[in-house]
mmCIF file of all heavy atoms, coordinates in Angstrom:
data_MODEL
# 
_entry.id   MODEL 
# 
loop_
_atom_site.group_PDB 
_atom_site.id 
_atom_site.type_symbol 
_atom_site.label_atom_id 
_atom_site.label_alt_id 
_atom_site.label_comp_id 
_atom_site.label_asym_id 
_atom_site.label_entity_id 
_atom_site.label_seq_id 
_atom_site.pdbx_PDB_ins_code 
_atom_site.Cartn_x 
_atom_site.Cartn_y 
_atom_site.Cartn_z 
_atom_site.occupancy 
_atom_site.B_iso_or_equiv 
_atom_site.pdbx_formal_charge 
_atom_site.auth_seq_id 
_atom_site.auth_comp_id 
_atom_site.auth_asym_id 
_atom_site.auth_atom_id 
_atom_site.pdbx_PDB_model_num 
ATOM 1   N N   . LEU A 1 1  ? -11.724 115.184 100.748 1.00 0.00 ? 1  LEU A N   1 
ATOM 2   C CA  . LEU A 1 1  ? -13.089 115.553 100.601 1.00 0.00 ? 1  LEU A CA  1 
ATOM 3   C C   . LEU A 1 1  ? -13.206 117.010 100.358 1.00 0.00 ? 1  LEU A C   1 
ATOM 4   O O   . LEU A 1 1  ? -14.308 117.521 100.006 1.00 0.00 ? 1  LEU A O   1 
ATOM 5   C CB  . LEU A 1 1  ? -13.895 115.048 101.723 1.00 0.00 ? 1  LEU A CB  1 
ATOM 6   C CG  . LEU A 1 1  ? -14.183 113.604 102.018 1.00 0.00 ? 1  LEU A CG  1 
ATOM 7   C CD1 . LEU A 1 1  ? -14.849 113.347 103.347 1.00 0.00 ? 1  LEU A CD1 1 
ATOM 8   C CD2 . LEU A 1 1  ? -14.877 113.011 100.820 1.00 0.00 ? 1  LEU A CD2 1 
ATOM 9   N N   . GLU A 1 2  ? -12.247 117.826 100.511 1.00 0.00 ? 2  GLU A N   1 
ATOM 10  C CA  . GLU A 1 2  ? -12.373 119.256 100.408 1.00 0.00 ? 2  GLU A CA  1 
ATOM 11  C C   . GLU A 1 2  ? -12.931 119.775 99.060  1.00 0.00 ? 2  GLU A C   1 
ATOM 12  O O   . GLU A 1 2  ? -13.793 120.611 99.100  1.00 0.00 ? 2  GLU A O   1 
ATOM 13  C CB  . GLU A 1 2  ? -10.959 119.904 100.627 1.00 0.00 ? 2  GLU A CB  1 
ATOM 14  C CG  . GLU A 1 2  ? -10.595 119.887 102.197 1.00 0.00 ? 2  GLU A CG  1 
ATOM 15  C CD  . GLU A 1 2  ? -9.202  120.458 102.405 1.00 0.00 ? 2  GLU A CD  1 
ATOM 16  O OE1 . GLU A 1 2  ? -8.648  121.147 101.483 1.00 0.00 ? 2  GLU A OE1 1 
ATOM 17  O OE2 . GLU A 1 2  ? -8.755  120.275 103.483 1.00 0.00 ? 2  GLU A OE2 1 
ATOM 18  N N   . PRO A 1 3  ? -12.581 119.013 97.946  1.00 0.00 ? 3  PRO A N   1 
ATOM 19  C CA  . PRO A 1 3  ? -13.181 119.528 96.672  1.00 0.00 ? 3  PRO A CA  1 
ATOM 20  C C   . PRO A 1 3  ? -14.652 119.422 96.658  1.00 0.00 ? 3  PRO A C   1 
ATOM 21  O O   . PRO A 1 3  ? -15.384 120.173 96.179  1.00 0.00 ? 3  PRO A O   1 
ATOM 22  C CB  . PRO A 1 3  ? -12.558 118.636 95.617  1.00 0.00 ? 3  PRO A CB  1 
ATOM 23  C CG  . PRO A 1 3  ? -11.228 118.272 96.255  1.00 0.00 ? 3  PRO A CG  1 
ATOM 24  C CD  . PRO A 1 3  ? -11.436 118.168 97.659  1.00 0.00 ? 3  PRO A CD  1 
ATOM 25  N N   . LEU A 1 4  ? -15.171 118.380 97.356  1.00 0.00 ? 4  LEU A N   1 
ATOM 26  C CA  . LEU A 1 4  ? -16.621 118.203 97.486  1.00 0.00 ? 4  LEU A CA  1 
ATOM 27  C C   . LEU A 1 4  ? -17.243 119.357 98.273  1.00 0.00 ? 4  LEU A C   1 
ATOM 28  O O   . LEU A 1 4  ? -18.231 119.901 97.800  1.00 0.00 ? 4  LEU A O   1 
ATOM 29  C CB  . LEU A 1 4  ? -16.971 116.816 98.164  1.00 0.00 ? 4  LEU A CB  1 
ATOM 30  C CG  . LEU A 1 4  ? -18.357 116.626 98.506  1.00 0.00 ? 4  LEU A CG  1 
ATOM 31  C CD1 . LEU A 1 4  ? -19.228 116.434 97.254  1.00 0.00 ? 4  LEU A CD1 1 
ATOM 32  C CD2 . LEU A 1 4  ? -18.526 115.402 99.403  1.00 0.00 ? 4  LEU A CD2 1 
ATOM 33  N N   . TYR A 1 5  ? -16.689 119.690 99.388  1.00 0.00 ? 5  TYR A N   1 
ATOM 34  C CA  . TYR A 1 5  ? -17.247 120.731 100.168 1.00 0.00 ? 5  TYR A CA  1 
ATOM 35  C C   . TYR A 1 5  ? -17.113 122.109 99.513  1.00 0.00 ? 5  TYR A C   1 
ATOM 36  O O   . TYR A 1 5  ? -17.872 123.065 99.811  1.00 0.00 ? 5  TYR A O   1 
ATOM 37  C CB  . TYR A 1 5  ? -16.559 120.759 101.525 1.00 0.00 ? 5  TYR A CB  1 
ATOM 38  C CG  . TYR A 1 5  ? -16.909 119.584 102.386 1.00 0.00 ? 5  TYR A CG  1 
ATOM 39  C CD1 . TYR A 1 5  ? -15.904 118.715 102.812 1.00 0.00 ? 5  TYR A CD1 1 
ATOM 40  C CD2 . TYR A 1 5  ? -18.210 119.221 102.674 1.00 0.00 ? 5  TYR A CD2 1 
ATOM 41  C CE1 . TYR A 1 5  ? -16.184 117.536 103.584 1.00 0.00 ? 5  TYR A CE1 1 
ATOM 42  C CE2 . TYR A 1 5  ? -18.512 118.139 103.380 1.00 0.00 ? 5  TYR A CE2 1 
ATOM 43  C CZ  . TYR A 1 5  ? -17.525 117.282 103.865 1.00 0.00 ? 5  TYR A CZ  1 
ATOM 44  O OH  . TYR A 1 5  ? -17.808 116.193 104.503 1.00 0.00 ? 5  TYR A OH  1 
ATOM 45  N N   . ALA A 1 6  ? -16.176 122.282 98.525  1.00 0.00 ? 6  ALA A N   1 
ATOM 46  C CA  . ALA A 1 6  ? -16.129 123.555 97.862  1.00 0.00 ? 6  ALA A CA  1 
ATOM 47  C C   . ALA A 1 6  ? -17.224 123.765 96.801  1.00 0.00 ? 6  ALA A C   1 
ATOM 48  O O   . ALA A 1 6  ? -17.488 124.877 96.475  1.00 0.00 ? 6  ALA A O   1 
ATOM 49  C CB  . ALA A 1 6  ? -14.801 123.573 97.072  1.00 0.00 ? 6  ALA A CB  1 
ATOM 50  N N   . GLU A 1 7  ? -17.885 122.699 96.433  1.00 0.00 ? 7  GLU A N   1 
ATOM 51  C CA  . GLU A 1 7  ? -19.006 122.799 95.480  1.00 0.00 ? 7  GLU A CA  1 
ATOM 52  C C   . GLU A 1 7  ? -20.343 123.155 96.258  1.00 0.00 ? 7  GLU A C   1 
ATOM 53  O O   . GLU A 1 7  ? -20.489 122.606 97.378  1.00 0.00 ? 7  GLU A O   1 
ATOM 54  C CB  . GLU A 1 7  ? -19.195 121.525 94.759  1.00 0.00 ? 7  GLU A CB  1 
ATOM 55  C CG  . GLU A 1 7  ? -18.063 121.142 93.867  1.00 0.00 ? 7  GLU A CG  1 
ATOM 56  C CD  . GLU A 1 7  ? -17.774 122.022 92.750  1.00 0.00 ? 7  GLU A CD  1 
ATOM 57  O OE1 . GLU A 1 7  ? -18.886 122.485 92.187  1.00 0.00 ? 7  GLU A OE1 1 
ATOM 58  O OE2 . GLU A 1 7  ? -16.613 122.444 92.438  1.00 0.00 ? 7  GLU A OE2 1 
ATOM 59  N N   . PRO A 1 8  ? -21.230 123.817 95.648  1.00 0.00 ? 8  PRO A N   1 
ATOM 60  C CA  . PRO A 1 8  ? -22.582 124.128 96.282  1.00 0.00 ? 8  PRO A CA  1 
ATOM 61  C C   . PRO A 1 8  ? -23.374 122.927 96.258  1.00 0.00 ? 8  PRO A C   1 
ATOM 62  O O   . PRO A 1 8  ? -23.138 122.025 95.422  1.00 0.00 ? 8  PRO A O   1 
ATOM 63  C CB  . PRO A 1 8  ? -23.130 125.249 95.462  1.00 0.00 ? 8  PRO A CB  1 
ATOM 64  C CG  . PRO A 1 8  ? -22.478 125.065 94.094  1.00 0.00 ? 8  PRO A CG  1 
ATOM 65  C CD  . PRO A 1 8  ? -21.052 124.566 94.320  1.00 0.00 ? 8  PRO A CD  1 
ATOM 66  N N   . GLY A 1 9  ? -24.116 122.685 97.320  1.00 0.00 ? 9  GLY A N   1 
ATOM 67  C CA  . GLY A 1 9  ? -24.995 121.493 97.306  1.00 0.00 ? 9  GLY A CA  1 
ATOM 68  C C   . GLY A 1 9  ? -26.091 121.500 96.290  1.00 0.00 ? 9  GLY A C   1 
ATOM 69  O O   . GLY A 1 9  ? -26.029 122.316 95.429  1.00 0.00 ? 9  GLY A O   1 
ATOM 70  N N   . PRO A 1 10 ? -27.042 120.629 96.464  1.00 0.00 ? 10 PRO A N   1 
ATOM 71  C CA  . PRO A 1 10 ? -27.171 119.703 97.589  1.00 0.00 ? 10 PRO A CA  1 
ATOM 72  C C   . PRO A 1 10 ? -26.361 118.502 97.368  1.00 0.00 ? 10 PRO A C   1 
ATOM 73  O O   . PRO A 1 10 ? -26.131 118.045 96.276  1.00 0.00 ? 10 PRO A O   1 
ATOM 74  C CB  . PRO A 1 10 ? -28.641 119.481 97.637  1.00 0.00 ? 10 PRO A CB  1 
ATOM 75  C CG  . PRO A 1 10 ? -29.140 119.552 96.227  1.00 0.00 ? 10 PRO A CG  1 
ATOM 76  C CD  . PRO A 1 10 ? -28.179 120.588 95.629  1.00 0.00 ? 10 PRO A CD  1 
ATOM 77  N N   . TYR A 1 11 ? -25.947 117.947 98.449  1.00 0.00 ? 11 TYR A N   1 
ATOM 78  C CA  . TYR A 1 11 ? -25.350 116.592 98.380  1.00 0.00 ? 11 TYR A CA  1 
ATOM 79  C C   . TYR A 1 11 ? -25.590 115.889 99.734  1.00 0.00 ? 11 TYR A C   1 
ATOM 80  O O   . TYR A 1 11 ? -26.077 116.453 100.679 1.00 0.00 ? 11 TYR A O   1 
ATOM 81  C CB  . TYR A 1 11 ? -23.899 116.632 98.117  1.00 0.00 ? 11 TYR A CB  1 
ATOM 82  C CG  . TYR A 1 11 ? -23.120 117.625 99.087  1.00 0.00 ? 11 TYR A CG  1 
ATOM 83  C CD1 . TYR A 1 11 ? -22.608 117.256 100.336 1.00 0.00 ? 11 TYR A CD1 1 
ATOM 84  C CD2 . TYR A 1 11 ? -22.837 118.962 98.614  1.00 0.00 ? 11 TYR A CD2 1 
ATOM 85  C CE1 . TYR A 1 11 ? -21.943 118.142 101.140 1.00 0.00 ? 11 TYR A CE1 1 
ATOM 86  C CE2 . TYR A 1 11 ? -22.152 119.796 99.481  1.00 0.00 ? 11 TYR A CE2 1 
ATOM 87  C CZ  . TYR A 1 11 ? -21.713 119.431 100.641 1.00 0.00 ? 11 TYR A CZ  1 
ATOM 88  O OH  . TYR A 1 11 ? -21.022 120.329 101.418 1.00 0.00 ? 11 TYR A OH  1 
ATOM 89  N N   . ALA A 1 12 ? -25.488 114.619 99.698  1.00 0.00 ? 12 ALA A N   1 
ATOM 90  C CA  . ALA A 1 12 ? -25.715 113.749 100.910 1.00 0.00 ? 12 ALA A CA  1 
ATOM 91  C C   . ALA A 1 12 ? -24.516 112.822 101.111 1.00 0.00 ? 12 ALA A C   1 
ATOM 92  O O   . ALA A 1 12 ? -23.778 112.566 100.210 1.00 0.00 ? 12 ALA A O   1 
ATOM 93  C CB  . ALA A 1 12 ? -26.973 112.898 100.674 1.00 0.00 ? 12 ALA A CB  1 
ATOM 94  N N   . SER A 1 13 ? -24.349 112.509 102.443 1.00 0.00 ? 13 SER A N   1 
ATOM 95  C CA  . SER A 1 13 ? -23.244 111.604 102.773 1.00 0.00 ? 13 SER A CA  1 
ATOM 96  C C   . SER A 1 13 ? -23.869 110.511 103.632 1.00 0.00 ? 13 SER A C   1 
ATOM 97  O O   . SER A 1 13 ? -24.736 110.773 104.564 1.00 0.00 ? 13 SER A O   1 
ATOM 98  C CB  . SER A 1 13 ? -22.185 112.452 103.645 1.00 0.00 ? 13 SER A CB  1 
ATOM 99  O OG  . SER A 1 13 ? -21.247 111.490 104.000 1.00 0.00 ? 13 SER A OG  1 
ATOM 100 N N   . VAL A 1 14 ? -23.512 109.308 103.414 1.00 0.00 ? 14 VAL A N   1 
ATOM 101 C CA  . VAL A 1 14 ? -23.916 108.162 104.161 1.00 0.00 ? 14 VAL A CA  1 
ATOM 102 C C   . VAL A 1 14 ? -22.821 107.261 104.557 1.00 0.00 ? 14 VAL A C   1 
ATOM 103 O O   . VAL A 1 14 ? -21.759 107.341 103.914 1.00 0.00 ? 14 VAL A O   1 
ATOM 104 C CB  . VAL A 1 14 ? -25.081 107.370 103.362 1.00 0.00 ? 14 VAL A CB  1 
ATOM 105 C CG1 . VAL A 1 14 ? -26.343 108.175 103.167 1.00 0.00 ? 14 VAL A CG1 1 
ATOM 106 C CG2 . VAL A 1 14 ? -24.511 106.733 102.177 1.00 0.00 ? 14 VAL A CG2 1 
ATOM 107 N N   . TYR A 1 15 ? -23.087 106.410 105.444 1.00 0.00 ? 15 TYR A N   1 
ATOM 108 C CA  . TYR A 1 15 ? -22.100 105.426 105.868 1.00 0.00 ? 15 TYR A CA  1 
ATOM 109 C C   . TYR A 1 15 ? -22.687 104.084 105.499 1.00 0.00 ? 15 TYR A C   1 
ATOM 110 O O   . TYR A 1 15 ? -23.774 103.724 105.979 1.00 0.00 ? 15 TYR A O   1 
ATOM 111 C CB  . TYR A 1 15 ? -21.744 105.480 107.428 1.00 0.00 ? 15 TYR A CB  1 
ATOM 112 C CG  . TYR A 1 15 ? -20.977 104.393 107.878 1.00 0.00 ? 15 TYR A CG  1 
ATOM 113 C CD1 . TYR A 1 15 ? -19.598 104.381 107.742 1.00 0.00 ? 15 TYR A CD1 1 
ATOM 114 C CD2 . TYR A 1 15 ? -21.595 103.257 108.496 1.00 0.00 ? 15 TYR A CD2 1 
ATOM 115 C CE1 . TYR A 1 15 ? -18.874 103.299 108.227 1.00 0.00 ? 15 TYR A CE1 1 
ATOM 116 C CE2 . TYR A 1 15 ? -20.823 102.177 108.836 1.00 0.00 ? 15 TYR A CE2 1 
ATOM 117 C CZ  . TYR A 1 15 ? -19.451 102.200 108.770 1.00 0.00 ? 15 TYR A CZ  1 
ATOM 118 O OH  . TYR A 1 15 ? -18.595 101.113 109.190 1.00 0.00 ? 15 TYR A OH  1 
ATOM 119 N N   . LEU A 1 16 ? -22.022 103.263 104.672 1.00 0.00 ? 16 LEU A N   1 
ATOM 120 C CA  . LEU A 1 16 ? -22.458 101.964 104.264 1.00 0.00 ? 16 LEU A CA  1 
ATOM 121 C C   . LEU A 1 16 ? -21.639 100.943 104.918 1.00 0.00 ? 16 LEU A C   1 
ATOM 122 O O   . LEU A 1 16 ? -20.343 100.920 104.663 1.00 0.00 ? 16 LEU A O   1 
ATOM 123 C CB  . LEU A 1 16 ? -22.401 101.913 102.736 1.00 0.00 ? 16 LEU A CB  1 
ATOM 124 C CG  . LEU A 1 16 ? -22.747 100.459 102.224 1.00 0.00 ? 16 LEU A CG  1 
ATOM 125 C CD1 . LEU A 1 16 ? -24.135 100.143 102.543 1.00 0.00 ? 16 LEU A CD1 1 
ATOM 126 C CD2 . LEU A 1 16 ? -22.469 100.428 100.637 1.00 0.00 ? 16 LEU A CD2 1 
ATOM 127 N N   . ASP A 1 17 ? -22.188 100.104 105.770 1.00 0.00 ? 17 ASP A N   1 
ATOM 128 C CA  . ASP A 1 17 ? -21.416 99.058  106.396 1.00 0.00 ? 17 ASP A CA  1 
ATOM 129 C C   . ASP A 1 17 ? -21.235 97.969  105.380 1.00 0.00 ? 17 ASP A C   1 
ATOM 130 O O   . ASP A 1 17 ? -22.200 97.365  104.801 1.00 0.00 ? 17 ASP A O   1 
ATOM 131 C CB  . ASP A 1 17 ? -22.284 98.530  107.535 1.00 0.00 ? 17 ASP A CB  1 
ATOM 132 C CG  . ASP A 1 17 ? -21.658 97.282  108.271 1.00 0.00 ? 17 ASP A CG  1 
ATOM 133 O OD1 . ASP A 1 17 ? -20.565 96.908  107.931 1.00 0.00 ? 17 ASP A OD1 1 
ATOM 134 O OD2 . ASP A 1 17 ? -22.327 96.792  109.146 1.00 0.00 ? 17 ASP A OD2 1 
ATOM 135 N N   . THR A 1 18 ? -19.977 97.685  105.090 1.00 0.00 ? 18 THR A N   1 
ATOM 136 C CA  . THR A 1 18 ? -19.616 96.652  104.075 1.00 0.00 ? 18 THR A CA  1 
ATOM 137 C C   . THR A 1 18 ? -18.980 95.507  104.736 1.00 0.00 ? 18 THR A C   1 
ATOM 138 O O   . THR A 1 18 ? -18.227 94.677  104.062 1.00 0.00 ? 18 THR A O   1 
ATOM 139 C CB  . THR A 1 18 ? -18.622 97.220  102.947 1.00 0.00 ? 18 THR A CB  1 
ATOM 140 O OG1 . THR A 1 18 ? -17.497 97.673  103.636 1.00 0.00 ? 18 THR A OG1 1 
ATOM 141 C CG2 . THR A 1 18 ? -19.355 98.369  102.168 1.00 0.00 ? 18 THR A CG2 1 
ATOM 142 N N   . SER A 1 19 ? -19.359 95.194  105.978 1.00 0.00 ? 19 SER A N   1 
ATOM 143 C CA  . SER A 1 19 ? -18.870 94.017  106.637 1.00 0.00 ? 19 SER A CA  1 
ATOM 144 C C   . SER A 1 19 ? -19.183 92.747  105.928 1.00 0.00 ? 19 SER A C   1 
ATOM 145 O O   . SER A 1 19 ? -20.331 92.633  105.348 1.00 0.00 ? 19 SER A O   1 
ATOM 146 C CB  . SER A 1 19 ? -19.489 93.915  108.054 1.00 0.00 ? 19 SER A CB  1 
ATOM 147 O OG  . SER A 1 19 ? -19.188 95.089  108.829 1.00 0.00 ? 19 SER A OG  1 
ATOM 148 N N   . ARG A 1 20 ? -18.289 91.875  105.820 1.00 0.00 ? 20 ARG A N   1 
ATOM 149 C CA  . ARG A 1 20 ? -18.528 90.595  105.058 1.00 0.00 ? 20 ARG A CA  1 
ATOM 150 C C   . ARG A 1 20 ? -18.511 89.395  105.934 1.00 0.00 ? 20 ARG A C   1 
ATOM 151 O O   . ARG A 1 20 ? -18.321 88.337  105.482 1.00 0.00 ? 20 ARG A O   1 
ATOM 152 C CB  . ARG A 1 20 ? -17.386 90.588  103.994 1.00 0.00 ? 20 ARG A CB  1 
ATOM 153 C CG  . ARG A 1 20 ? -17.380 91.761  103.110 1.00 0.00 ? 20 ARG A CG  1 
ATOM 154 C CD  . ARG A 1 20 ? -16.301 91.585  102.003 1.00 0.00 ? 20 ARG A CD  1 
ATOM 155 N NE  . ARG A 1 20 ? -16.709 90.695  100.993 1.00 0.00 ? 20 ARG A NE  1 
ATOM 156 C CZ  . ARG A 1 20 ? -17.608 90.912  99.979  1.00 0.00 ? 20 ARG A CZ  1 
ATOM 157 N NH1 . ARG A 1 20 ? -18.215 92.071  100.019 1.00 0.00 ? 20 ARG A NH1 1 
ATOM 158 N NH2 . ARG A 1 20 ? -17.906 90.012  99.045  1.00 0.00 ? 20 ARG A NH2 1 
ATOM 159 N N   . ASP A 1 21 ? -18.814 89.649  107.300 1.00 0.00 ? 21 ASP A N   1 
ATOM 160 C CA  . ASP A 1 21 ? -18.792 88.543  108.164 1.00 0.00 ? 21 ASP A CA  1 
ATOM 161 C C   . ASP A 1 21 ? -20.197 87.944  108.328 1.00 0.00 ? 21 ASP A C   1 
ATOM 162 O O   . ASP A 1 21 ? -20.556 87.466  109.453 1.00 0.00 ? 21 ASP A O   1 
ATOM 163 C CB  . ASP A 1 21 ? -18.234 88.980  109.509 1.00 0.00 ? 21 ASP A CB  1 
ATOM 164 C CG  . ASP A 1 21 ? -19.035 90.128  110.108 1.00 0.00 ? 21 ASP A CG  1 
ATOM 165 O OD1 . ASP A 1 21 ? -19.843 90.716  109.383 1.00 0.00 ? 21 ASP A OD1 1 
ATOM 166 O OD2 . ASP A 1 21 ? -18.858 90.407  111.285 1.00 0.00 ? 21 ASP A OD2 1 
ATOM 167 N N   . VAL A 1 22 ? -20.940 87.758  107.263 1.00 0.00 ? 22 VAL A N   1 
ATOM 168 C CA  . VAL A 1 22 ? -22.137 87.186  107.250 1.00 0.00 ? 22 VAL A CA  1 
ATOM 169 C C   . VAL A 1 22 ? -22.250 86.074  106.213 1.00 0.00 ? 22 VAL A C   1 
ATOM 170 O O   . VAL A 1 22 ? -21.395 86.032  105.361 1.00 0.00 ? 22 VAL A O   1 
ATOM 171 C CB  . VAL A 1 22 ? -23.312 88.283  106.975 1.00 0.00 ? 22 VAL A CB  1 
ATOM 172 C CG1 . VAL A 1 22 ? -23.437 89.220  108.179 1.00 0.00 ? 22 VAL A CG1 1 
ATOM 173 C CG2 . VAL A 1 22 ? -23.074 88.993  105.705 1.00 0.00 ? 22 VAL A CG2 1 
ATOM 174 N N   . GLU A 1 23 ? -23.329 85.317  106.194 1.00 0.00 ? 23 GLU A N   1 
ATOM 175 C CA  . GLU A 1 23 ? -23.407 84.201  105.310 1.00 0.00 ? 23 GLU A CA  1 
ATOM 176 C C   . GLU A 1 23 ? -23.330 84.574  103.793 1.00 0.00 ? 23 GLU A C   1 
ATOM 177 O O   . GLU A 1 23 ? -22.658 83.869  102.980 1.00 0.00 ? 23 GLU A O   1 
ATOM 178 C CB  . GLU A 1 23 ? -24.629 83.410  105.641 1.00 0.00 ? 23 GLU A CB  1 
ATOM 179 C CG  . GLU A 1 23 ? -24.675 82.007  104.832 1.00 0.00 ? 23 GLU A CG  1 
ATOM 180 C CD  . GLU A 1 23 ? -25.830 81.159  105.281 1.00 0.00 ? 23 GLU A CD  1 
ATOM 181 O OE1 . GLU A 1 23 ? -26.168 81.188  106.454 1.00 0.00 ? 23 GLU A OE1 1 
ATOM 182 O OE2 . GLU A 1 23 ? -26.479 80.436  104.398 1.00 0.00 ? 23 GLU A OE2 1 
ATOM 183 N N   . ARG A 1 24 ? -24.108 85.558  103.467 1.00 0.00 ? 24 ARG A N   1 
ATOM 184 C CA  . ARG A 1 24 ? -24.185 85.999  101.977 1.00 0.00 ? 24 ARG A CA  1 
ATOM 185 C C   . ARG A 1 24 ? -23.737 87.465  102.064 1.00 0.00 ? 24 ARG A C   1 
ATOM 186 O O   . ARG A 1 24 ? -24.699 88.327  101.821 1.00 0.00 ? 24 ARG A O   1 
ATOM 187 C CB  . ARG A 1 24 ? -25.538 85.775  101.496 1.00 0.00 ? 24 ARG A CB  1 
ATOM 188 C CG  . ARG A 1 24 ? -25.862 84.232  101.407 1.00 0.00 ? 24 ARG A CG  1 
ATOM 189 C CD  . ARG A 1 24 ? -27.248 83.979  100.998 1.00 0.00 ? 24 ARG A CD  1 
ATOM 190 N NE  . ARG A 1 24 ? -27.580 84.527  99.679  1.00 0.00 ? 24 ARG A NE  1 
ATOM 191 C CZ  . ARG A 1 24 ? -28.840 84.773  99.303  1.00 0.00 ? 24 ARG A CZ  1 
ATOM 192 N NH1 . ARG A 1 24 ? -29.853 84.436  99.972  1.00 0.00 ? 24 ARG A NH1 1 
ATOM 193 N NH2 . ARG A 1 24 ? -29.026 85.306  98.047  1.00 0.00 ? 24 ARG A NH2 1 
ATOM 194 N N   . PRO A 1 25 ? -22.521 87.883  102.083 1.00 0.00 ? 25 PRO A N   1 
ATOM 195 C CA  . PRO A 1 25 ? -22.128 89.264  102.142 1.00 0.00 ? 25 PRO A CA  1 
ATOM 196 C C   . PRO A 1 25 ? -22.650 90.082  100.996 1.00 0.00 ? 25 PRO A C   1 
ATOM 197 O O   . PRO A 1 25 ? -23.034 91.251  101.269 1.00 0.00 ? 25 PRO A O   1 
ATOM 198 C CB  . PRO A 1 25 ? -20.633 89.135  102.301 1.00 0.00 ? 25 PRO A CB  1 
ATOM 199 C CG  . PRO A 1 25 ? -20.286 87.855  101.799 1.00 0.00 ? 25 PRO A CG  1 
ATOM 200 C CD  . PRO A 1 25 ? -21.363 86.914  102.081 1.00 0.00 ? 25 PRO A CD  1 
ATOM 201 N N   . GLU A 1 26 ? -22.558 89.631  99.822  1.00 0.00 ? 26 GLU A N   1 
ATOM 202 C CA  . GLU A 1 26 ? -22.923 90.470  98.677  1.00 0.00 ? 26 GLU A CA  1 
ATOM 203 C C   . GLU A 1 26 ? -24.289 90.871  98.746  1.00 0.00 ? 26 GLU A C   1 
ATOM 204 O O   . GLU A 1 26 ? -24.765 91.948  98.543  1.00 0.00 ? 26 GLU A O   1 
ATOM 205 C CB  . GLU A 1 26 ? -22.621 89.774  97.327  1.00 0.00 ? 26 GLU A CB  1 
ATOM 206 C CG  . GLU A 1 26 ? -21.167 89.574  97.047  1.00 0.00 ? 26 GLU A CG  1 
ATOM 207 C CD  . GLU A 1 26 ? -20.574 88.382  97.748  1.00 0.00 ? 26 GLU A CD  1 
ATOM 208 O OE1 . GLU A 1 26 ? -21.281 87.528  98.277  1.00 0.00 ? 26 GLU A OE1 1 
ATOM 209 O OE2 . GLU A 1 26 ? -19.371 88.225  97.751  1.00 0.00 ? 26 GLU A OE2 1 
# 
C-alpha cells in the first residue's frame, strides 16, 4: 500500500465483508 500513501489525497479506505456463508452471497 506504500505507493498509495505516497500520493496526495483525498482517498478513502473501507473494509468490505465478502463472507459467503449466507443464502445469496452475491
